[in-house]
């Protein structure tokens, strides 16, 4: 299931980088990489883009971009480019030059395009890159812009968007976390954060549906006698999702990604499970929802960890209150392996 898609513009710039572009020239102090004016036309001419995605082999990150154009005296614009920036900031250009300096004898190429969120993507290749021969088959000419009338465009777009989604898994995982805490760790586009929030709600709903099916099978097999799905018709607001055999509280925490992805507890959930020492409580960790086979691990015995965390939170709240402020809506992100003393073997759903 793809997260990133192309901007409706659907244009690709493809350029062989010069020694000056790469910062390898002995005669030039060029501090930018020039781009072509017929791609990224969805941006206003006066736009200055401050961040973008850079891909190189299996590397993928959101970096400072410094994209802009020169304004002519008559009010028109020319010379789109990405700039180096200062020596203290890692930018698209500085990272490209860092990679190129490791293999200065190779030929280097840059592909750039835009995503549906208006995120800019720069894909750096060299003539030893594993995708180089395939991309040159799809895009036989460089130093050009491939537009809607290019017969090569469709296959190339499919190839590039697969690459973007494959290599950006860590970014997608981080966006899932951002969707829960609303505190971006990188300058993500608002549309990507909004998309991640929608996807996470769908992930949570799907996870609960799968656990309802799992518990129904457990009931049919006689391993449990009854269960109540408290969010069956609408979100209950309770700090748990299922109540089994009138004694076990289950909180379903789902992710598109692997088991180790951070899971989050609200202060309401922490207070609930710490407040009753005899509470029977399990987290049903549903994971790999983006793969063909979704998995489940039942996690138990988090009381010791959460009791210590609740004390730390209360101590911090007291310090905040002493400064005439209020701390609300806490979200605690933890690794399952740090939180639970007992994690049952993986079950395929």
Protein backbone atom coordinates (compact mmCIF):
# COMPACT_ATOMS: atom_id res chain seq x y z
CA UNK A 1 0.00 0.00 0.00
CA UNK A 2 1.67 3.21 -1.17
CA UNK A 3 1.80 6.28 1.06
CA UNK A 4 3.37 8.71 -1.41
CA UNK A 5 1.95 9.50 -4.85
CA UNK A 6 2.88 11.89 -7.64
CA UNK A 7 1.81 15.48 -7.92
CA UNK A 8 -0.78 15.91 -10.71
CA UNK A 9 1.88 17.79 -12.69
CA UNK A 10 3.60 14.44 -13.35
CA UNK A 11 6.84 15.78 -14.75
CA UNK A 12 10.38 14.53 -14.26
CA UNK A 13 13.62 16.46 -14.53
CA UNK A 14 16.70 14.37 -15.41
CA UNK A 15 20.16 15.90 -15.41
CA UNK A 16 23.75 14.70 -15.58
CA UNK A 17 25.52 16.62 -12.83
CA UNK A 18 28.63 18.58 -13.72
CA UNK A 19 31.79 18.76 -11.64
CA UNK A 20 30.70 22.26 -10.61
CA UNK A 21 27.30 20.91 -9.49
CA UNK A 22 29.09 18.26 -7.44
CA UNK A 23 31.58 20.67 -5.90
CA UNK A 24 34.42 18.74 -7.54
CA UNK A 25 35.57 21.40 -9.99
CA UNK A 26 38.99 22.93 -9.44
CA UNK A 27 38.02 26.10 -11.28
CA UNK A 28 34.49 26.82 -10.01
CA UNK A 29 33.11 27.87 -6.62
CA UNK A 30 29.50 27.17 -7.65
CA UNK A 31 27.25 26.96 -4.59
CA UNK A 32 24.10 25.58 -6.24
CA UNK A 33 22.74 22.92 -8.60
CA UNK A 34 20.75 24.39 -11.46
CA UNK A 35 17.39 22.84 -12.37
CA UNK A 36 15.05 23.21 -15.35
CA UNK A 37 12.09 25.56 -15.52
CA UNK A 38 9.54 23.16 -17.00
CA UNK A 39 9.30 20.91 -13.95
CA UNK A 40 7.93 21.77 -10.48
CA UNK A 41 5.55 24.18 -12.19
CA UNK A 42 2.98 23.53 -9.44
CA UNK A 43 5.09 25.85 -7.27
CA UNK A 44 4.57 29.58 -7.54
CA UNK A 45 7.52 31.32 -9.19
CA UNK A 46 8.23 33.21 -5.96
CA UNK A 47 8.12 30.08 -3.75
CA UNK A 48 11.16 29.27 -1.68
CA UNK A 49 11.06 25.59 -0.69
CA UNK A 50 12.91 24.95 2.56
CA UNK A 51 12.90 21.14 2.71
CA UNK A 52 12.68 18.16 0.37
CA UNK A 53 13.29 14.41 0.18
CA UNK A 54 16.64 13.09 -1.00
CA UNK A 55 17.07 9.48 -2.14
CA UNK A 56 20.33 7.72 -2.94
CA UNK A 57 20.46 3.91 -3.11
CA UNK A 58 18.80 2.90 0.21
CA UNK A 59 19.29 6.30 1.80
CA UNK A 60 16.21 8.50 2.22
CA UNK A 61 15.74 11.59 4.39
CA UNK A 62 14.01 14.96 4.58
CA UNK A 63 16.69 17.66 4.37
CA UNK A 64 16.92 21.40 4.02
CA UNK A 65 16.37 22.16 0.35
CA UNK A 66 16.85 25.90 -0.34
CA UNK A 67 15.01 25.86 -3.68
CA UNK A 68 14.33 29.23 -5.28
CA UNK A 69 14.41 31.20 -8.56
CA UNK A 70 15.98 34.48 -9.62
CA UNK A 71 13.57 37.37 -10.16
CA UNK A 72 14.18 39.40 -13.31
CA UNK A 73 13.76 43.23 -13.44
CA UNK A 74 10.51 42.81 -15.41
CA UNK A 75 8.98 40.66 -12.64
CA UNK A 76 9.45 37.29 -14.34
CA UNK A 77 11.52 34.48 -12.84
CA UNK A 78 14.34 32.30 -14.14
CA UNK A 79 17.04 29.85 -13.09
CA UNK A 80 15.38 27.48 -10.63
CA UNK A 81 18.03 25.94 -8.41
CA UNK A 82 18.84 24.33 -5.09
CA UNK A 83 21.52 26.07 -3.03
CA UNK A 84 24.32 24.79 -0.84
CA UNK A 85 23.52 26.83 2.27
CA UNK A 86 25.92 27.49 5.12
CA UNK A 87 28.47 25.01 6.41
CA UNK A 88 26.41 24.24 9.52
CA UNK A 89 23.27 23.01 7.74
CA UNK A 90 22.90 19.69 5.94
CA UNK A 91 21.12 20.45 2.69
CA UNK A 92 20.15 18.49 -0.40
CA UNK A 93 23.16 19.96 -2.22
CA UNK A 94 25.65 19.35 0.60
CA UNK A 95 24.50 15.73 0.94
CA UNK A 96 24.72 15.15 -2.82
CA UNK A 97 28.27 16.52 -2.75
CA UNK A 98 29.13 14.36 0.24
CA UNK A 99 28.04 11.23 -1.64
CA UNK A 100 29.83 12.32 -4.83
CA UNK A 101 33.13 12.94 -3.03
CA UNK A 102 33.13 9.30 -1.90
CA UNK A 103 33.21 8.19 -5.57
CA UNK A 104 34.46 11.17 -7.59
CA UNK A 105 35.41 9.03 -10.59
CA UNK A 106 31.79 8.10 -11.37
CA UNK A 107 29.16 9.84 -13.49
CA UNK A 108 26.39 11.34 -11.33
CA UNK A 109 22.78 12.04 -12.27
CA UNK A 110 19.84 13.77 -10.59
CA UNK A 111 16.14 13.04 -11.08
CA UNK A 112 13.62 15.37 -9.48
CA UNK A 113 9.84 15.55 -9.33
CA UNK A 114 6.99 16.41 -6.93
CA UNK A 115 4.63 14.37 -4.75
CA UNK A 116 0.94 14.83 -4.11
CA UNK A 117 1.69 16.80 -0.92
CA UNK A 118 3.93 19.15 -2.96
CA UNK A 119 6.97 17.56 -1.33
CA UNK A 120 9.94 17.77 -3.69
CA UNK A 121 11.90 14.58 -4.33
CA UNK A 122 15.50 14.43 -5.55
CA UNK A 123 16.88 11.04 -6.53
CA UNK A 124 20.66 10.86 -6.88
CA UNK A 125 22.18 8.10 -9.01
CA UNK A 126 25.56 7.23 -10.39
CA UNK A 127 26.54 4.85 -13.17
CA UNK A 128 27.18 2.14 -10.58
CA UNK A 129 23.82 2.54 -8.81
CA UNK A 130 21.75 -0.64 -8.78
CA UNK A 131 18.83 1.08 -10.56
CA UNK A 132 20.95 3.01 -13.04
CA UNK A 133 20.60 0.67 -16.03
CA UNK A 134 16.86 0.34 -15.51
CA UNK A 135 16.27 4.08 -15.19
CA UNK A 136 18.37 4.73 -18.30
CA UNK A 137 16.22 2.20 -20.15
CA UNK A 138 13.08 4.05 -19.04
CA UNK A 139 14.59 7.52 -19.50
CA UNK A 140 17.10 7.16 -22.34
CA UNK A 141 17.93 10.88 -22.53
CA UNK A 142 19.24 13.09 -19.77
CA UNK A 143 19.46 16.87 -19.49
CA UNK A 144 15.75 17.01 -20.36
CA UNK A 145 12.32 17.33 -18.74
CA UNK A 146 9.91 14.46 -19.35
CA UNK A 147 6.35 15.81 -19.66
CA UNK A 148 2.87 14.47 -20.33
CA UNK A 149 3.55 13.93 -24.02
CA UNK A 150 6.67 11.81 -23.36
CA UNK A 151 6.06 8.18 -24.24
CA UNK A 152 8.52 7.13 -21.55
CA UNK A 153 6.73 8.99 -18.77
CA UNK A 154 4.20 6.42 -17.50
CA UNK A 155 6.61 3.54 -16.89
CA UNK A 156 9.20 5.89 -15.41
CA UNK A 157 6.66 7.40 -13.00
CA UNK A 158 5.62 3.94 -11.81
CA UNK A 159 9.25 2.94 -11.31
CA UNK A 160 10.10 6.12 -9.41
CA UNK A 161 7.06 6.07 -7.12
CA UNK A 162 7.77 2.44 -6.19
CA UNK A 163 11.31 3.48 -5.31
CA UNK A 164 10.10 6.44 -3.24
CA UNK A 165 7.69 4.32 -1.21
CA UNK A 166 10.13 1.44 -0.77
CA UNK A 167 13.06 3.49 0.45
CA UNK A 168 11.05 5.93 2.62
CA UNK A 169 9.78 3.35 5.13
CA UNK A 170 11.47 5.06 8.09
CA UNK A 171 9.85 8.37 7.12
CA UNK A 172 6.47 6.67 6.87
CA UNK A 173 6.99 5.05 10.28
CA UNK A 174 7.88 8.43 11.75
CA UNK A 175 4.78 9.99 10.20
CA UNK A 176 2.66 7.32 11.92
CA UNK A 177 4.20 8.43 15.22
CA UNK A 178 3.69 12.12 14.37
CA UNK A 179 0.01 11.39 13.65
CA UNK A 180 -0.40 10.39 17.31
CA UNK A 181 1.62 13.09 19.07
CA UNK A 182 1.25 16.05 16.68
CA UNK A 183 4.87 17.03 17.17
CA UNK A 184 6.78 16.65 13.89
CA UNK A 185 10.40 15.59 14.22
CA UNK A 186 11.07 16.79 10.65
CA UNK A 187 9.56 19.52 8.43
CA UNK A 188 6.88 17.26 6.97
CA UNK A 189 4.28 18.68 4.63
CA UNK A 190 0.88 19.32 6.30
CA UNK A 191 -0.81 17.12 3.68
CA UNK A 192 1.47 14.21 4.58
CA UNK A 193 0.71 14.63 8.29
CA UNK A 194 -3.01 14.79 7.53
CA UNK A 195 -2.71 11.66 5.38
CA UNK A 196 -0.84 9.89 8.18
CA UNK A 197 -3.55 10.83 10.68
CA UNK A 198 -6.26 9.41 8.42
CA UNK A 199 -4.26 6.25 7.80
CA UNK A 200 -3.60 5.76 11.53
CA UNK A 201 -7.32 6.02 12.32
CA UNK A 202 -7.98 3.41 9.64
CA UNK A 203 -5.18 1.27 11.10
CA UNK A 204 -6.73 1.45 14.57
CA UNK A 205 -10.16 0.54 13.27
CA UNK A 206 -8.83 -2.35 11.20
CA UNK A 207 -6.81 -3.62 14.16
CA UNK A 208 -9.88 -3.70 16.39
CA UNK A 209 -11.90 -5.47 13.68
CA UNK A 210 -9.23 -8.17 13.43
CA UNK A 211 -9.17 -8.64 17.21
CA UNK A 212 -12.98 -8.88 17.27
CA UNK A 213 -12.71 -11.68 14.71
CA UNK A 214 -9.93 -13.33 16.72
CA UNK A 215 -11.96 -13.21 19.96
CA UNK A 216 -15.01 -14.58 18.17
CA UNK A 217 -12.93 -17.59 17.14
CA UNK A 218 -11.65 -17.96 20.71
CA UNK A 219 -15.23 -17.91 21.94
CA UNK A 220 -16.33 -20.52 19.38
CA UNK A 221 -13.44 -22.73 20.46
CA UNK A 222 -14.48 -22.45 24.09
CA UNK A 223 -11.30 -20.68 25.23
CA UNK A 224 -13.27 -17.61 26.34
CA UNK A 225 -16.91 -17.35 27.33
CA UNK A 226 -17.79 -13.79 26.32
CA UNK A 227 -16.37 -10.43 25.28
CA UNK A 228 -17.56 -6.87 24.83
CA UNK A 229 -16.18 -4.68 22.07
CA UNK A 230 -16.72 -1.24 23.57
CA UNK A 231 -16.01 0.64 20.34
CA UNK A 232 -18.18 -1.55 18.11
CA UNK A 233 -20.57 1.20 17.03
CA UNK A 234 -18.60 4.33 17.95
CA UNK A 235 -15.54 5.45 19.87
CA UNK A 236 -16.34 4.99 23.56
CA UNK A 237 -13.55 7.14 24.99
CA UNK A 238 -12.75 4.36 27.49
CA UNK A 239 -9.10 3.47 28.21
CA UNK A 240 -9.58 -0.03 26.77
CA UNK A 241 -11.16 -1.59 23.67
CA UNK A 242 -12.39 -5.04 24.78
CA UNK A 243 -13.61 -6.57 28.05
CA UNK A 244 -13.22 -10.36 28.09
CA UNK A 245 -14.84 -12.89 30.46
CA UNK A 246 -15.95 -9.98 32.66
CA UNK A 247 -12.41 -9.68 34.04
CA UNK A 248 -9.76 -8.96 31.37
CA UNK A 249 -9.33 -5.50 29.87
CA UNK A 250 -7.71 -5.40 26.43
CA UNK A 251 -6.26 -2.35 24.73
CA UNK A 252 -5.58 -2.87 21.01
CA UNK A 253 -2.59 -0.93 19.73
CA UNK A 254 -2.08 -1.35 15.99
CA UNK A 255 0.59 -0.32 13.53
CA UNK A 256 1.21 -0.65 9.83
CA UNK A 257 4.79 -1.52 10.62
CA UNK A 258 6.83 -3.88 12.77
CA UNK A 259 6.30 -4.96 16.35
CA UNK A 260 9.01 -2.63 17.67
CA UNK A 261 7.30 0.52 16.39
CA UNK A 262 6.57 2.87 19.32
CA UNK A 263 3.13 2.44 20.89
CA UNK A 264 1.48 5.24 22.85
CA UNK A 265 -0.36 5.47 26.15
CA UNK A 266 -2.42 8.46 27.16
CA UNK A 267 -2.37 9.69 30.75
CA UNK A 268 -5.94 8.35 31.05
CA UNK A 269 -4.75 4.86 30.07
CA UNK A 270 -1.79 5.03 32.45
CA UNK A 271 -3.99 6.16 35.36
CA UNK A 272 -6.50 3.39 34.59
CA UNK A 273 -4.06 0.49 34.67
CA UNK A 274 -2.01 1.82 37.62
CA UNK A 275 -5.05 2.77 39.68
CA UNK A 276 -6.16 -0.84 40.24
CA UNK A 277 -3.40 -3.17 41.33
CA UNK A 278 -5.56 -6.28 40.76
CA UNK A 279 -6.43 -5.23 37.21
CA UNK A 280 -6.17 -7.92 34.52
CA UNK A 281 -4.89 -5.98 31.55
CA UNK A 282 -3.28 -6.87 28.22
CA UNK A 283 -2.18 -4.94 25.18
CA UNK A 284 -2.96 -6.75 21.94
CA UNK A 285 -0.21 -5.49 19.65
CA UNK A 286 -1.40 -5.79 16.05
CA UNK A 287 1.41 -5.16 13.57
CA UNK A 288 2.48 -5.58 9.94
CA UNK A 289 -0.90 -4.32 8.75
CA UNK A 290 0.83 -3.14 5.56
CA UNK A 291 1.85 -6.70 4.69
CA UNK A 292 -0.03 -9.69 3.37
CA UNK A 293 -0.09 -11.38 6.79
CA UNK A 294 -1.07 -9.25 9.78
CA UNK A 295 0.35 -10.40 13.10
CA UNK A 296 -0.54 -10.21 16.79
CA UNK A 297 1.47 -10.44 20.00
CA UNK A 298 -0.30 -10.38 23.34
CA UNK A 299 1.67 -8.27 25.82
CA UNK A 300 1.25 -8.49 29.59
CA UNK A 301 2.72 -7.25 32.85
CA UNK A 302 3.42 -3.58 32.32
CA UNK A 303 2.32 -2.45 35.81
CA UNK A 304 5.85 -1.98 37.18
CA UNK A 305 6.91 0.12 34.20
CA UNK A 306 3.73 2.22 34.18
CA UNK A 307 3.77 2.79 37.94
CA UNK A 308 7.26 4.28 37.65
CA UNK A 309 6.20 6.35 34.65
CA UNK A 310 3.09 7.64 36.43
CA UNK A 311 5.27 8.81 39.33
CA UNK A 312 7.60 10.63 36.93
CA UNK A 313 4.64 12.26 35.20
CA UNK A 314 3.06 13.35 38.50
CA UNK A 315 6.39 14.79 39.67
CA UNK A 316 6.73 16.74 36.44
CA UNK A 317 3.11 17.96 36.63
CA UNK A 318 3.79 19.23 40.14
CA UNK A 319 6.85 21.16 38.98
CA UNK A 320 4.85 22.64 36.11
CA UNK A 321 2.00 23.58 38.47
CA UNK A 322 4.46 25.29 40.81
CA UNK A 323 5.28 27.61 37.91
CA UNK A 324 1.58 28.43 37.51
CA UNK A 325 1.15 26.31 34.37
CA UNK A 326 -0.82 23.21 33.42
CA UNK A 327 0.33 20.02 31.68
CA UNK A 328 -2.46 18.15 29.88
CA UNK A 329 -3.04 15.37 27.34
CA UNK A 330 0.18 13.46 27.89
CA UNK A 331 1.17 10.83 25.33
CA UNK A 332 3.84 8.35 26.39
CA UNK A 333 5.58 6.56 23.52
CA UNK A 334 7.30 3.30 24.49
CA UNK A 335 8.93 0.33 22.84
CA UNK A 336 6.97 -2.85 23.64
CA UNK A 337 10.16 -4.63 24.68
CA UNK A 338 10.88 -1.95 27.30
CA UNK A 339 7.37 -1.83 28.71
CA UNK A 340 6.15 -5.41 29.05
CA UNK A 341 7.66 -8.21 31.10
CA UNK A 342 5.71 -10.88 29.19
CA UNK A 343 5.15 -11.00 25.43
CA UNK A 344 3.51 -14.10 24.00
CA UNK A 345 4.62 -15.70 20.70
CA UNK A 346 3.43 -14.15 17.44
CA UNK A 347 -0.02 -15.13 16.18
CA UNK A 348 -0.99 -14.75 12.52
CA UNK A 349 -4.41 -13.14 12.12
